[in-house]
Amino acid sequence: MSRDRFSTPVWVLTGLFRSAPGTLELVQGRLRLLSGGETVFDVPRESLNRVYFPWYYFGAGVKLTLEAKTYRLSFVEPGENGDLVRGCAAGKSWKNRLRP
């Protein structure tokens, strides 16, 4: 994958037990979240108000605040198919790319 484009699967966390699969992409300085066949947001990376990797996500999730809305994303598929090692690696990659 080129340096101008990075993408990983994510799960958009809604409530305590619900999530929706999606894709988080960084393409030429724009951050895009796709889920349910729709674009949830597509913004310049600099427009994020806050990027937070909570300790309780073990490095495998992030909270992104854009305007007044916070998106909770996990890099680990829920259930038995989840791979924490892969999720932590994706989280580390995103942390390096989203650092101010």
N, C-alpha and C. Protein backbone atom coordinates (compact mmCIF):
# COMPACT_ATOMS: atom_id res chain seq x y z
N MET A 1 0.85 -1.17 0.00
CA MET A 1 0.00 0.00 0.00
C MET A 1 0.89 1.23 0.00
N SER A 2 0.57 2.22 -0.79
CA SER A 2 1.42 3.40 -0.91
C SER A 2 1.36 4.25 0.35
N ARG A 3 2.33 5.12 0.47
CA ARG A 3 2.40 6.01 1.63
C ARG A 3 1.26 7.01 1.65
N ASP A 4 0.70 7.33 0.48
CA ASP A 4 -0.41 8.28 0.40
C ASP A 4 -1.76 7.63 0.69
N ARG A 5 -1.77 6.31 0.87
CA ARG A 5 -3.03 5.61 1.09
C ARG A 5 -2.83 4.52 2.13
N PHE A 6 -3.68 4.53 3.16
CA PHE A 6 -3.65 3.50 4.19
C PHE A 6 -5.08 3.18 4.56
N SER A 7 -5.37 1.90 4.75
CA SER A 7 -6.74 1.46 4.99
C SER A 7 -6.74 0.20 5.83
N THR A 8 -7.66 0.11 6.78
CA THR A 8 -7.84 -1.11 7.56
C THR A 8 -9.33 -1.32 7.85
N PRO A 9 -9.71 -2.56 8.09
CA PRO A 9 -11.07 -2.81 8.55
C PRO A 9 -11.24 -2.27 9.97
N VAL A 10 -12.43 -1.79 10.28
CA VAL A 10 -12.78 -1.34 11.63
C VAL A 10 -14.18 -1.81 11.94
N TRP A 11 -14.51 -1.73 13.21
CA TRP A 11 -15.87 -1.98 13.66
C TRP A 11 -16.30 -0.76 14.43
N VAL A 12 -17.38 -0.13 13.96
CA VAL A 12 -17.91 1.08 14.57
C VAL A 12 -18.75 0.62 15.77
N LEU A 13 -18.33 1.03 16.96
CA LEU A 13 -18.99 0.61 18.19
C LEU A 13 -20.17 1.51 18.48
N THR A 14 -21.34 0.90 18.64
CA THR A 14 -22.56 1.63 18.97
C THR A 14 -23.19 0.95 20.17
N GLY A 15 -23.29 1.64 21.27
CA GLY A 15 -23.83 1.04 22.48
C GLY A 15 -22.83 0.08 23.10
N LEU A 16 -23.30 -0.73 24.03
CA LEU A 16 -22.41 -1.66 24.74
C LEU A 16 -22.10 -2.92 23.95
N PHE A 17 -23.06 -3.40 23.17
CA PHE A 17 -22.88 -4.71 22.55
C PHE A 17 -23.07 -4.72 21.04
N ARG A 18 -23.17 -3.56 20.43
CA ARG A 18 -23.40 -3.52 18.99
C ARG A 18 -22.22 -2.90 18.26
N SER A 19 -21.99 -3.39 17.07
CA SER A 19 -20.95 -2.82 16.21
C SER A 19 -21.34 -3.06 14.76
N ALA A 20 -20.78 -2.23 13.90
CA ALA A 20 -21.01 -2.37 12.47
C ALA A 20 -19.66 -2.39 11.76
N PRO A 21 -19.47 -3.32 10.84
CA PRO A 21 -18.19 -3.36 10.12
C PRO A 21 -18.03 -2.16 9.21
N GLY A 22 -16.78 -1.79 9.01
CA GLY A 22 -16.49 -0.67 8.13
C GLY A 22 -15.03 -0.66 7.73
N THR A 23 -14.63 0.44 7.12
CA THR A 23 -13.25 0.63 6.69
C THR A 23 -12.84 2.05 7.04
N LEU A 24 -11.65 2.17 7.64
CA LEU A 24 -11.07 3.48 7.91
C LEU A 24 -9.94 3.67 6.92
N GLU A 25 -9.97 4.80 6.21
CA GLU A 25 -8.97 5.07 5.17
C GLU A 25 -8.34 6.43 5.38
N LEU A 26 -7.07 6.52 5.06
CA LEU A 26 -6.37 7.79 4.98
C LEU A 26 -5.82 7.87 3.57
N VAL A 27 -6.36 8.79 2.78
CA VAL A 27 -5.99 8.92 1.38
C VAL A 27 -5.61 10.37 1.11
N GLN A 28 -4.35 10.59 0.80
CA GLN A 28 -3.83 11.92 0.47
C GLN A 28 -4.27 12.98 1.48
N GLY A 29 -4.12 12.66 2.76
CA GLY A 29 -4.43 13.62 3.82
C GLY A 29 -5.88 13.70 4.23
N ARG A 30 -6.74 12.90 3.62
CA ARG A 30 -8.16 12.88 3.99
C ARG A 30 -8.48 11.58 4.72
N LEU A 31 -9.21 11.72 5.81
CA LEU A 31 -9.63 10.57 6.61
C LEU A 31 -11.07 10.25 6.27
N ARG A 32 -11.32 8.98 5.96
CA ARG A 32 -12.64 8.56 5.52
C ARG A 32 -13.06 7.32 6.31
N LEU A 33 -14.31 7.34 6.78
CA LEU A 33 -14.90 6.17 7.43
C LEU A 33 -16.07 5.71 6.58
N LEU A 34 -16.01 4.46 6.13
CA LEU A 34 -17.07 3.84 5.34
C LEU A 34 -17.71 2.74 6.18
N SER A 35 -19.03 2.67 6.21
CA SER A 35 -19.73 1.62 6.95
C SER A 35 -21.14 1.47 6.38
N GLY A 36 -21.57 0.25 6.27
CA GLY A 36 -22.91 -0.01 5.77
C GLY A 36 -23.12 0.47 4.35
N GLY A 37 -22.06 0.45 3.54
CA GLY A 37 -22.17 0.89 2.16
C GLY A 37 -22.26 2.39 2.00
N GLU A 38 -22.05 3.14 3.08
CA GLU A 38 -22.15 4.60 3.03
C GLU A 38 -20.88 5.23 3.58
N THR A 39 -20.65 6.46 3.19
CA THR A 39 -19.55 7.23 3.75
C THR A 39 -20.05 7.92 5.00
N VAL A 40 -19.48 7.56 6.15
CA VAL A 40 -19.88 8.16 7.43
C VAL A 40 -19.27 9.55 7.54
N PHE A 41 -17.98 9.66 7.21
CA PHE A 41 -17.34 10.97 7.09
C PHE A 41 -16.17 10.88 6.12
N ASP A 42 -15.83 12.02 5.56
CA ASP A 42 -14.70 12.15 4.64
C ASP A 42 -14.19 13.57 4.83
N VAL A 43 -13.13 13.71 5.64
CA VAL A 43 -12.67 15.03 6.06
C VAL A 43 -11.15 15.14 5.96
N PRO A 44 -10.63 16.36 5.90
CA PRO A 44 -9.18 16.51 6.01
C PRO A 44 -8.72 16.02 7.38
N ARG A 45 -7.62 15.35 7.45
CA ARG A 45 -7.11 14.80 8.70
C ARG A 45 -7.02 15.86 9.80
N GLU A 46 -6.67 17.09 9.41
CA GLU A 46 -6.51 18.18 10.37
C GLU A 46 -7.82 18.63 11.02
N SER A 47 -8.96 18.24 10.46
CA SER A 47 -10.24 18.69 11.01
C SER A 47 -10.69 17.87 12.22
N LEU A 48 -9.96 16.81 12.56
CA LEU A 48 -10.30 16.05 13.76
C LEU A 48 -10.04 16.91 14.99
N ASN A 49 -11.01 16.97 15.90
CA ASN A 49 -10.82 17.72 17.12
C ASN A 49 -10.00 16.96 18.14
N ARG A 50 -10.16 15.63 18.14
CA ARG A 50 -9.45 14.82 19.13
C ARG A 50 -9.25 13.41 18.58
N VAL A 51 -8.08 12.87 18.83
CA VAL A 51 -7.75 11.48 18.52
C VAL A 51 -7.27 10.87 19.82
N TYR A 52 -7.98 9.86 20.31
CA TYR A 52 -7.69 9.31 21.62
C TYR A 52 -7.66 7.78 21.54
N PHE A 53 -6.57 7.20 22.00
CA PHE A 53 -6.41 5.76 22.06
C PHE A 53 -6.51 5.33 23.52
N PRO A 54 -7.73 5.05 24.03
CA PRO A 54 -7.89 4.75 25.45
C PRO A 54 -7.12 3.49 25.87
N TRP A 55 -6.59 3.49 27.07
CA TRP A 55 -5.83 2.34 27.56
C TRP A 55 -6.69 1.08 27.59
N TYR A 56 -8.00 1.24 27.85
CA TYR A 56 -8.88 0.07 27.98
C TYR A 56 -9.22 -0.55 26.62
N TYR A 57 -8.77 0.03 25.51
CA TYR A 57 -8.88 -0.60 24.20
C TYR A 57 -7.62 -1.39 23.88
N PHE A 58 -6.64 -1.38 24.79
CA PHE A 58 -5.39 -2.14 24.65
C PHE A 58 -4.64 -1.83 23.35
N GLY A 59 -4.80 -0.62 22.86
CA GLY A 59 -4.13 -0.22 21.62
C GLY A 59 -4.84 -0.67 20.36
N ALA A 60 -5.97 -1.35 20.51
CA ALA A 60 -6.68 -1.91 19.37
C ALA A 60 -7.98 -1.17 19.08
N GLY A 61 -8.04 0.09 19.50
CA GLY A 61 -9.23 0.89 19.23
C GLY A 61 -8.92 2.36 19.41
N VAL A 62 -9.79 3.20 18.88
CA VAL A 62 -9.57 4.64 18.91
C VAL A 62 -10.91 5.37 19.03
N LYS A 63 -10.86 6.53 19.63
CA LYS A 63 -12.00 7.44 19.64
C LYS A 63 -11.61 8.67 18.83
N LEU A 64 -12.40 8.96 17.81
CA LEU A 64 -12.17 10.13 16.96
C LEU A 64 -13.30 11.12 17.18
N THR A 65 -12.96 12.36 17.50
CA THR A 65 -13.97 13.39 17.66
C THR A 65 -13.87 14.35 16.49
N LEU A 66 -15.00 14.51 15.83
CA LEU A 66 -15.11 15.37 14.66
C LEU A 66 -16.31 16.28 14.89
N GLU A 67 -16.05 17.57 14.93
CA GLU A 67 -17.07 18.54 15.30
C GLU A 67 -17.58 18.14 16.69
N ALA A 68 -18.84 17.86 16.88
CA ALA A 68 -19.35 17.53 18.21
C ALA A 68 -19.63 16.03 18.37
N LYS A 69 -19.23 15.22 17.41
CA LYS A 69 -19.55 13.79 17.44
C LYS A 69 -18.28 12.96 17.64
N THR A 70 -18.39 11.98 18.53
CA THR A 70 -17.28 11.06 18.78
C THR A 70 -17.61 9.70 18.17
N TYR A 71 -16.65 9.17 17.44
CA TYR A 71 -16.78 7.85 16.81
C TYR A 71 -15.86 6.90 17.56
N ARG A 72 -16.41 5.78 18.03
CA ARG A 72 -15.62 4.76 18.70
C ARG A 72 -15.39 3.62 17.72
N LEU A 73 -14.11 3.34 17.47
CA LEU A 73 -13.75 2.34 16.47
C LEU A 73 -12.85 1.28 17.09
N SER A 74 -13.10 0.04 16.73
CA SER A 74 -12.26 -1.08 17.15
C SER A 74 -11.59 -1.67 15.91
N PHE A 75 -10.33 -2.05 16.06
CA PHE A 75 -9.61 -2.71 14.98
C PHE A 75 -9.67 -4.23 15.13
N VAL A 76 -10.46 -4.72 16.09
CA VAL A 76 -10.60 -6.16 16.34
C VAL A 76 -12.04 -6.56 16.04
N GLU A 77 -12.19 -7.54 15.17
CA GLU A 77 -13.52 -8.05 14.87
C GLU A 77 -14.13 -8.66 16.12
N PRO A 78 -15.38 -8.34 16.43
CA PRO A 78 -16.00 -8.91 17.63
C PRO A 78 -16.24 -10.42 17.47
N GLY A 79 -16.28 -11.09 18.58
CA GLY A 79 -16.57 -12.52 18.56
C GLY A 79 -15.32 -13.38 18.44
N GLU A 80 -15.54 -14.62 18.09
CA GLU A 80 -14.47 -15.62 18.04
C GLU A 80 -13.44 -15.35 16.95
N ASN A 81 -13.81 -14.61 15.91
CA ASN A 81 -12.89 -14.36 14.80
C ASN A 81 -11.92 -13.21 15.08
N GLY A 82 -12.10 -12.52 16.20
CA GLY A 82 -11.26 -11.37 16.51
C GLY A 82 -9.81 -11.75 16.74
N ASP A 83 -8.91 -10.96 16.21
CA ASP A 83 -7.47 -11.19 16.34
C ASP A 83 -6.86 -9.97 17.03
N LEU A 84 -6.62 -10.07 18.33
CA LEU A 84 -6.12 -8.94 19.10
C LEU A 84 -4.75 -8.50 18.63
N VAL A 85 -3.89 -9.43 18.26
CA VAL A 85 -2.55 -9.07 17.80
C VAL A 85 -2.64 -8.22 16.53
N ARG A 86 -3.45 -8.65 15.60
CA ARG A 86 -3.63 -7.88 14.36
C ARG A 86 -4.28 -6.53 14.64
N GLY A 87 -5.24 -6.51 15.56
CA GLY A 87 -5.91 -5.27 15.93
C GLY A 87 -4.95 -4.28 16.58
N CYS A 88 -4.06 -4.76 17.43
CA CYS A 88 -3.06 -3.89 18.07
C CYS A 88 -2.09 -3.35 17.04
N ALA A 89 -1.71 -4.17 16.07
CA ALA A 89 -0.80 -3.71 15.01
C ALA A 89 -1.46 -2.61 14.18
N ALA A 90 -2.74 -2.79 13.87
CA ALA A 90 -3.47 -1.76 13.12
C ALA A 90 -3.58 -0.49 13.95
N GLY A 91 -3.86 -0.64 15.24
CA GLY A 91 -3.95 0.52 16.12
C GLY A 91 -2.65 1.29 16.18
N LYS A 92 -1.54 0.58 16.25
CA LYS A 92 -0.22 1.23 16.28
C LYS A 92 0.04 1.99 14.98
N SER A 93 -0.32 1.38 13.86
CA SER A 93 -0.15 2.05 12.57
C SER A 93 -0.98 3.32 12.49
N TRP A 94 -2.23 3.24 12.95
CA TRP A 94 -3.09 4.42 12.92
C TRP A 94 -2.59 5.48 13.88
N LYS A 95 -2.10 5.08 15.03
CA LYS A 95 -1.60 6.05 16.00
C LYS A 95 -0.44 6.85 15.38
N ASN A 96 0.44 6.19 14.67
CA ASN A 96 1.55 6.88 14.00
C ASN A 96 1.06 7.82 12.89
N ARG A 97 0.02 7.43 12.19
CA ARG A 97 -0.49 8.25 11.09
C ARG A 97 -1.37 9.42 11.56
N LEU A 98 -2.04 9.26 12.68
CA LEU A 98 -2.96 10.29 13.16
C LEU A 98 -2.33 11.22 14.18
N ARG A 99 -1.09 10.95 14.54
CA ARG A 99 -0.38 11.82 15.49
C ARG A 99 -0.28 13.23 14.91
N PRO A 100 -0.54 14.26 15.77
CA PRO A 100 -0.47 15.64 15.26
C PRO A 100 0.91 16.04 14.82
